[in-house]
PDB file of N, CA and C in Angstrom:
ATOM      1  N   MET A   1      35.282   3.831 -20.759  1.00  0.00           N
ATOM      2  CA  MET A   1      33.847   2.894 -20.466  1.00  0.00           C
ATOM      3  C   MET A   1      33.030   3.664 -20.949  1.00  0.00           C
ATOM      4  N   THR A   2      31.912   3.144 -20.998  1.00  0.00           N
ATOM      5  CA  THR A   2      30.638   3.964 -21.955  1.00  0.00           C
ATOM      6  C   THR A   2      29.544   4.191 -20.474  1.00  0.00           C
ATOM      7  N   PRO A   3      28.904   5.252 -20.294  1.00  0.00           N
ATOM      8  CA  PRO A   3      28.230   5.565 -19.295  1.00  0.00           C
ATOM      9  C   PRO A   3      26.860   4.849 -19.566  1.00  0.00           C
ATOM     10  N   THR A   4      26.391   4.794 -18.198  1.00  0.00           N
ATOM     11  CA  THR A   4      25.070   3.650 -17.754  1.00  0.00           C
ATOM     12  C   THR A   4      24.162   4.502 -17.846  1.00  0.00           C
ATOM     13  N   PRO A   5      22.775   4.669 -18.367  1.00  0.00           N
ATOM     14  CA  PRO A   5      21.650   5.539 -18.440  1.00  0.00           C
ATOM     15  C   PRO A   5      21.419   5.029 -16.734  1.00  0.00           C
ATOM     16  N   GLU A   6      20.660   6.488 -16.197  1.00  0.00           N
ATOM     17  CA  GLU A   6      20.395   6.377 -14.854  1.00  0.00           C
ATOM     18  C   GLU A   6      18.894   5.736 -15.271  1.00  0.00           C
ATOM     19  N   GLN A   7      18.634   4.470 -14.293  1.00  0.00           N
ATOM     20  CA  GLN A   7      17.125   3.770 -14.200  1.00  0.00           C
ATOM     21  C   GLN A   7      16.220   4.873 -13.400  1.00  0.00           C
ATOM     22  N   VAL A   8      14.748   4.731 -14.314  1.00  0.00           N
ATOM     23  CA  VAL A   8      13.601   5.725 -13.742  1.00  0.00           C
ATOM     24  C   VAL A   8      13.210   4.832 -13.404  1.00  0.00           C
ATOM     25  N   HIS A   9      12.665   4.809 -11.619  1.00  0.00           N
ATOM     26  CA  HIS A   9      12.413   4.103 -10.665  1.00  0.00           C
ATOM     27  C   HIS A   9      10.539   4.167 -10.579  1.00  0.00           C
ATOM     28  N   ASN A  10      10.163   3.440 -10.493  1.00  0.00           N
ATOM     29  CA  ASN A  10       8.663   3.917 -10.214  1.00  0.00           C
ATOM     30  C   ASN A  10       7.577   2.707  -9.088  1.00  0.00           C
ATOM     31  N   ARG A  11       6.570   3.599  -9.395  1.00  0.00           N
ATOM     32  CA  ARG A  11       5.491   3.156  -8.426  1.00  0.00           C
ATOM     33  C   ARG A  11       4.028   2.629  -9.177  1.00  0.00           C
ATOM     34  N   ILE A  12       4.589   2.625 -10.406  1.00  0.00           N
ATOM     35  CA  ILE A  12       2.889   2.212 -10.898  1.00  0.00           C
ATOM     36  C   ILE A  12       2.583   0.941 -10.611  1.00  0.00           C
ATOM     37  N   ALA A  13       2.958   0.165 -10.826  1.00  0.00           N
ATOM     38  CA  ALA A  13       2.031  -1.474  -9.949  1.00  0.00           C
ATOM     39  C   ALA A  13       1.773  -1.683  -8.899  1.00  0.00           C
ATOM     40  N   MET A  14       2.141  -0.739  -7.823  1.00  0.00           N
ATOM     41  CA  MET A  14       1.738  -0.557  -6.683  1.00  0.00           C
ATOM     42  C   MET A  14      -0.029   0.676  -6.770  1.00  0.00           C
ATOM     43  N   LEU A  15       0.076   1.543  -7.638  1.00  0.00           N
ATOM     44  CA  LEU A  15      -0.815   2.406  -7.742  1.00  0.00           C
ATOM     45  C   LEU A  15      -1.599   1.746  -8.011  1.00  0.00           C
ATOM     46  N   ARG A  16      -1.686   1.015  -9.172  1.00  0.00           N
ATOM     47  CA  ARG A  16      -2.462   0.235 -10.107  1.00  0.00           C
ATOM     48  C   ARG A  16      -3.413  -0.843  -8.833  1.00  0.00           C
ATOM     49  N   ALA A  17      -2.538  -1.497  -8.222  1.00  0.00           N
ATOM     50  CA  ALA A  17      -2.770  -2.359  -7.106  1.00  0.00           C
ATOM     51  C   ALA A  17      -3.826  -1.868  -6.321  1.00  0.00           C
ATOM     52  N   GLU A  18      -3.171  -0.707  -5.467  1.00  0.00           N
ATOM     53  CA  GLU A  18      -4.464  -0.106  -4.829  1.00  0.00           C
ATOM     54  C   GLU A  18      -5.323   0.389  -5.116  1.00  0.00           C
ATOM     55  N   ARG A  19      -5.668   0.225  -6.602  1.00  0.00           N
ATOM     56  CA  ARG A  19      -6.990   0.965  -7.101  1.00  0.00           C
ATOM     57  C   ARG A  19      -7.625  -0.456  -7.749  1.00  0.00           C
ATOM     58  N   GLY A  20      -6.985  -1.611  -7.891  1.00  0.00           N
ATOM     59  CA  GLY A  20      -7.366  -2.907  -8.731  1.00  0.00           C
ATOM     60  C   GLY A  20      -7.483  -2.426 -10.038  1.00  0.00           C
ATOM     61  N   ILE A  21      -6.627  -1.650 -10.835  1.00  0.00           N
ATOM     62  CA  ILE A  21      -6.619  -1.841 -12.296  1.00  0.00           C
ATOM     63  C   ILE A  21      -5.762  -2.687 -12.648  1.00  0.00           C
ATOM     64  N   SER A  22      -6.004  -2.854 -13.978  1.00  0.00           N
ATOM     65  CA  SER A  22      -5.649  -3.940 -14.384  1.00  0.00           C
ATOM     66  C   SER A  22      -4.472  -2.814 -15.337  1.00  0.00           C
ATOM     67  N   ARG A  23      -3.411  -3.663 -16.189  1.00  0.00           N
ATOM     68  CA  ARG A  23      -2.756  -3.191 -17.114  1.00  0.00           C
ATOM     69  C   ARG A  23      -3.108  -2.744 -18.080  1.00  0.00           C
ATOM     70  N   ARG A  24      -4.184  -3.596 -18.368  1.00  0.00           N
ATOM     71  CA  ARG A  24      -4.799  -3.471 -19.947  1.00  0.00           C
ATOM     72  C   ARG A  24      -6.112  -1.908 -19.474  1.00  0.00           C
ATOM     73  N   GLU A  25      -6.296  -2.070 -18.466  1.00  0.00           N
ATOM     74  CA  GLU A  25      -7.429  -0.941 -17.433  1.00  0.00           C
ATOM     75  C   GLU A  25      -6.603   0.695 -18.276  1.00  0.00           C
ATOM     76  N   LEU A  26      -5.564   0.256 -17.677  1.00  0.00           N
ATOM     77  CA  LEU A  26      -4.319   1.502 -17.494  1.00  0.00           C
ATOM     78  C   LEU A  26      -4.129   2.142 -18.633  1.00  0.00           C
ATOM     79  N   ALA A  27      -3.851   0.994 -19.542  1.00  0.00           N
ATOM     80  CA  ALA A  27      -3.090   1.426 -21.137  1.00  0.00           C
ATOM     81  C   ALA A  27      -4.424   2.027 -21.730  1.00  0.00           C
ATOM     82  N   GLU A  28      -5.445   1.608 -21.761  1.00  0.00           N
ATOM     83  CA  GLU A  28      -6.590   2.112 -22.406  1.00  0.00           C
ATOM     84  C   GLU A  28      -6.759   3.614 -21.923  1.00  0.00           C
ATOM     85  N   ALA A  29      -6.846   3.696 -20.778  1.00  0.00           N
ATOM     86  CA  ALA A  29      -6.776   5.045 -19.985  1.00  0.00           C
ATOM     87  C   ALA A  29      -5.919   5.985 -20.577  1.00  0.00           C
ATOM     88  N   LEU A  30      -4.854   5.615 -20.922  1.00  0.00           N
ATOM     89  CA  LEU A  30      -3.541   6.399 -21.262  1.00  0.00           C
ATOM     90  C   LEU A  30      -3.272   6.683 -22.842  1.00  0.00           C
ATOM     91  N   GLY A  31      -4.157   5.479 -23.495  1.00  0.00           N
ATOM     92  CA  GLY A  31      -3.852   5.527 -24.820  1.00  0.00           C
ATOM     93  C   GLY A  31      -2.483   4.671 -25.899  1.00  0.00           C
ATOM     94  N   VAL A  32      -2.380   4.085 -24.455  1.00  0.00           N
ATOM     95  CA  VAL A  32      -0.732   3.290 -25.148  1.00  0.00           C
ATOM     96  C   VAL A  32      -1.601   1.797 -25.279  1.00  0.00           C
ATOM     97  N   HIS A  33      -0.265   1.228 -25.551  1.00  0.00           N
ATOM     98  CA  HIS A  33      -0.407  -0.565 -25.376  1.00  0.00           C
ATOM     99  C   HIS A  33      -0.099  -1.187 -24.016  1.00  0.00           C
ATOM    100  N   TYR A  34      -1.006  -2.131 -24.258  1.00  0.00           N
ATOM    101  CA  TYR A  34      -0.872  -2.693 -22.464  1.00  0.00           C
ATOM    102  C   TYR A  34       0.795  -2.899 -22.210  1.00  0.00           C
ATOM    103  N   GLN A  35       1.135  -3.828 -23.321  1.00  0.00           N
ATOM    104  CA  GLN A  35       2.463  -4.206 -22.954  1.00  0.00           C
ATOM    105  C   GLN A  35       3.902  -2.773 -22.541  1.00  0.00           C
ATOM    106  N   THR A  36       3.477  -1.537 -23.021  1.00  0.00           N
ATOM    107  CA  THR A  36       3.954  -0.519 -22.425  1.00  0.00           C
ATOM    108  C   THR A  36       4.080  -0.373 -20.878  1.00  0.00           C
ATOM    109  N   VAL A  37       2.845  -0.667 -20.445  1.00  0.00           N
ATOM    110  CA  VAL A  37       2.660  -0.605 -19.094  1.00  0.00           C
ATOM    111  C   VAL A  37       3.754  -1.443 -18.711  1.00  0.00           C
ATOM    112  N   GLY A  38       3.692  -2.757 -18.830  1.00  0.00           N
ATOM    113  CA  GLY A  38       4.618  -3.510 -18.221  1.00  0.00           C
ATOM    114  C   GLY A  38       5.738  -3.312 -18.608  1.00  0.00           C
ATOM    115  N   TYR A  39       6.308  -2.641 -19.430  1.00  0.00           N
ATOM    116  CA  TYR A  39       7.801  -2.220 -19.768  1.00  0.00           C
ATOM    117  C   TYR A  39       8.106  -0.999 -18.790  1.00  0.00           C
ATOM    118  N   LEU A  40       7.114  -0.223 -18.631  1.00  0.00           N
ATOM    119  CA  LEU A  40       7.357   0.669 -17.538  1.00  0.00           C
ATOM    120  C   LEU A  40       7.358   0.193 -16.173  1.00  0.00           C
ATOM    121  N   GLU A  41       6.617  -0.616 -15.550  1.00  0.00           N
ATOM    122  CA  GLU A  41       6.973  -1.248 -14.436  1.00  0.00           C
ATOM    123  C   GLU A  41       8.176  -2.009 -13.909  1.00  0.00           C
ATOM    124  N   ARG A  42       8.226  -2.772 -14.892  1.00  0.00           N
ATOM    125  CA  ARG A  42       9.737  -3.470 -14.790  1.00  0.00           C
ATOM    126  C   ARG A  42      10.735  -2.507 -15.161  1.00  0.00           C
ATOM    127  N   GLY A  43      10.509  -1.147 -15.375  1.00  0.00           N
ATOM    128  CA  GLY A  43      11.797  -0.474 -15.732  1.00  0.00           C
ATOM    129  C   GLY A  43      12.522  -0.561 -17.206  1.00  0.00           C
ATOM    130  N   GLU A  44      12.060  -1.128 -17.805  1.00  0.00           N
ATOM    131  CA  GLU A  44      12.977  -1.596 -18.898  1.00  0.00           C
ATOM    132  C   GLU A  44      12.349  -0.483 -20.174  1.00  0.00           C
ATOM    133  N   TYR A  45      12.112   0.715 -20.102  1.00  0.00           N
ATOM    134  CA  TYR A  45      11.157   1.596 -20.625  1.00  0.00           C
ATOM    135  C   TYR A  45      10.994   2.748 -19.896  1.00  0.00           C
ATOM    136  N   SER A  46      11.587   3.972 -20.036  1.00  0.00           N
ATOM    137  CA  SER A  46      11.610   5.190 -19.206  1.00  0.00           C
ATOM    138  C   SER A  46      10.364   6.111 -20.139  1.00  0.00           C
ATOM    139  N   PRO A  47       9.967   6.523 -19.308  1.00  0.00           N
ATOM    140  CA  PRO A  47       8.394   6.881 -20.533  1.00  0.00           C
ATOM    141  C   PRO A  47       9.120   8.209 -20.963  1.00  0.00           C
ATOM    142  N   SER A  48       8.001   9.080 -22.062  1.00  0.00           N
ATOM    143  CA  SER A  48       8.362  10.737 -22.101  1.00  0.00           C
ATOM    144  C   SER A  48       7.724  11.495 -21.230  1.00  0.00           C
ATOM    145  N   LEU A  49       8.170  12.597 -21.226  1.00  0.00           N
ATOM    146  CA  LEU A  49       7.511  13.347 -19.725  1.00  0.00           C
ATOM    147  C   LEU A  49       6.156  13.539 -20.189  1.00  0.00           C
ATOM    148  N   HIS A  50       5.344  13.668 -21.258  1.00  0.00           N
ATOM    149  CA  HIS A  50       4.483  13.573 -21.176  1.00  0.00           C
ATOM    150  C   HIS A  50       3.721  12.214 -21.199  1.00  0.00           C
ATOM    151  N   LEU A  51       4.230  11.147 -21.332  1.00  0.00           N
ATOM    152  CA  LEU A  51       3.470   9.963 -20.567  1.00  0.00           C
ATOM    153  C   LEU A  51       3.722  10.162 -19.034  1.00  0.00           C
ATOM    154  N   ALA A  52       4.986  10.428 -18.438  1.00  0.00           N
ATOM    155  CA  ALA A  52       4.684  10.717 -17.047  1.00  0.00           C
ATOM    156  C   ALA A  52       3.808  11.448 -16.424  1.00  0.00           C
ATOM    157  N   LEU A  53       3.528  12.734 -16.944  1.00  0.00           N
ATOM    158  CA  LEU A  53       2.563  13.245 -16.567  1.00  0.00           C
ATOM    159  C   LEU A  53       1.345  13.064 -16.806  1.00  0.00           C
ATOM    160  N   ARG A  54       1.272  12.473 -17.415  1.00  0.00           N
ATOM    161  CA  ARG A  54      -0.488  12.089 -18.171  1.00  0.00           C
ATOM    162  C   ARG A  54      -0.854  10.956 -16.578  1.00  0.00           C
ATOM    163  N   LEU A  55       0.554  10.040 -16.362  1.00  0.00           N
ATOM    164  CA  LEU A  55       0.069   8.630 -15.703  1.00  0.00           C
ATOM    165  C   LEU A  55       0.037   9.461 -14.390  1.00  0.00           C
ATOM    166  N   ALA A  56       0.638  10.564 -14.034  1.00  0.00           N
ATOM    167  CA  ALA A  56       1.011  11.238 -12.055  1.00  0.00           C
ATOM    168  C   ALA A  56      -0.806  11.676 -12.184  1.00  0.00           C
ATOM    169  N   ARG A  57      -0.852  12.469 -13.649  1.00  0.00           N
ATOM    170  CA  ARG A  57      -2.787  12.932 -13.240  1.00  0.00           C
ATOM    171  C   ARG A  57      -3.657  11.915 -13.532  1.00  0.00           C
ATOM    172  N   TYR A  58      -3.532  10.810 -14.140  1.00  0.00           N
ATOM    173  CA  TYR A  58      -4.260   9.628 -13.949  1.00  0.00           C
ATOM    174  C   TYR A  58      -4.446   9.257 -12.570  1.00  0.00           C
ATOM    175  N   PHE A  59      -3.443   9.102 -11.530  1.00  0.00           N
ATOM    176  CA  PHE A  59      -3.249   8.596 -10.495  1.00  0.00           C
ATOM    177  C   PHE A  59      -3.807   9.660  -9.491  1.00  0.00           C
ATOM    178  N   GLU A  60      -3.395  10.865  -9.866  1.00  0.00           N
ATOM    179  CA  GLU A  60      -4.190  12.542  -9.174  1.00  0.00           C
ATOM    180  C   GLU A  60      -2.989  12.169  -8.163  1.00  0.00           C
ATOM    181  N   VAL A  61      -1.767  12.234  -8.330  1.00  0.00           N
ATOM    182  CA  VAL A  61      -0.482  12.272  -7.406  1.00  0.00           C
ATOM    183  C   VAL A  61       0.484  12.835  -8.101  1.00  0.00           C
ATOM    184  N   PRO A  62       1.464  14.212  -7.555  1.00  0.00           N
ATOM    185  CA  PRO A  62       2.480  14.723  -8.006  1.00  0.00           C
ATOM    186  C   PRO A  62       3.397  13.454  -8.620  1.00  0.00           C
ATOM    187  N   VAL A  63       3.847  13.953  -9.863  1.00  0.00           N
ATOM    188  CA  VAL A  63       4.752  12.875 -10.831  1.00  0.00           C
ATOM    189  C   VAL A  63       5.727  12.589 -10.039  1.00  0.00           C
ATOM    190  N   GLU A  64       6.324  13.231  -8.887  1.00  0.00           N
ATOM    191  CA  GLU A  64       7.352  12.375  -8.073  1.00  0.00           C
ATOM    192  C   GLU A  64       7.121  11.317  -7.339  1.00  0.00           C
ATOM    193  N   VAL A  65       5.789  11.357  -7.065  1.00  0.00           N
ATOM    194  CA  VAL A  65       5.071   9.789  -6.229  1.00  0.00           C
ATOM    195  C   VAL A  65       4.810   8.668  -7.042  1.00  0.00           C
ATOM    196  N   VAL A  66       4.919   9.229  -8.262  1.00  0.00           N
ATOM    197  CA  VAL A  66       5.257   8.080  -9.510  1.00  0.00           C
ATOM    198  C   VAL A  66       6.724   7.326 -10.028  1.00  0.00           C
ATOM    199  N   PHE A  67       7.256   8.473  -9.933  1.00  0.00           N
ATOM    200  CA  PHE A  67       8.863   8.369 -10.317  1.00  0.00           C
ATOM    201  C   PHE A  67       9.814   9.037  -9.624  1.00  0.00           C
ATOM    202  N   SER A  68      11.013   7.447  -9.675  1.00  0.00           N
ATOM    203  CA  SER A  68      11.898   9.105  -8.772  1.00  0.00           C
ATOM    204  C   SER A  68      13.045   8.319  -9.550  1.00  0.00           C
ATOM    205  N   LEU A  69      14.523   8.860  -9.679  1.00  0.00           N
ATOM    206  CA  LEU A  69      15.790   8.442  -9.644  1.00  0.00           C
ATOM    207  C   LEU A  69      16.223   7.674  -8.937  1.00  0.00           C
ATOM    208  N   GLU A  70      15.792   7.765  -7.370  1.00  0.00           N
ATOM    209  CA  GLU A  70      16.298   6.784  -6.526  1.00  0.00           C
ATOM    210  C   GLU A  70      15.109   5.975  -6.106  1.00  0.00           C
ATOM    211  N   GLU A  71      15.776   4.778  -5.697  1.00  0.00           N
ATOM    212  CA  GLU A  71      14.702   3.292  -5.481  1.00  0.00           C
ATOM    213  C   GLU A  71      13.946   3.826  -4.205  1.00  0.00           C
ATOM    214  N   PHE A  72      12.438   3.268  -5.009  1.00  0.00           N
ATOM    215  CA  PHE A  72      11.471   3.977  -3.522  1.00  0.00           C
ATOM    216  C   PHE A  72      12.008   2.983  -1.806  1.00  0.00           C
ATOM    217  N   PRO A  73      11.552   3.376  -1.357  1.00  0.00           N
ATOM    218  CA  PRO A  73      11.899   2.769   0.205  1.00  0.00           C
ATOM    219  C   PRO A  73      10.954   1.334  -0.282  1.00  0.00           C
ATOM    220  N   ARG A  74      11.530   0.142   0.449  1.00  0.00           N
ATOM    221  CA  ARG A  74      10.323  -0.797   0.616  1.00  0.00           C
ATOM    222  C   ARG A  74       9.309  -0.355   1.963  1.00  0.00           C
ATOM    223  N   LEU A  75       8.443  -0.980   1.102  1.00  0.00           N
ATOM    224  CA  LEU A  75       6.529  -0.621   2.336  1.00  0.00           C
ATOM    225  C   LEU A  75       7.199  -1.676   3.837  1.00  0.00           C
ATOM    226  N   GLY A  76       7.023  -1.172   4.828  1.00  0.00           N
ATOM    227  CA  GLY A  76       7.028  -1.618   5.796  1.00  0.00           C
ATOM    228  C   GLY A  76       8.482  -1.478   6.554  1.00  0.00           C
ATOM    229  N   SER A  77       9.411  -1.284   5.955  1.00  0.00           N
ATOM    230  CA  SER A  77      10.818  -0.886   6.152  1.00  0.00           C
ATOM    231  C   SER A  77      10.619  -0.111   7.193  1.00  0.00           C
TER     232      SER A  77
END
């Protein structure tokens, strides 16, 4: 049996929504294609360490606020 890679969970969409930022605006600020932001949000792509740190810096939060190896608890739970 082949081991499955661990999924990296993130709060990018929530952080964007809180700040009223579009995927395209975030992508331009980070210097990536806007589709990359969508892939990240859906968990279809795990960011490089460099990109993860840039995202955390952009949102002015620790990287652990944006990314986790465990699912984030649902809001209001």
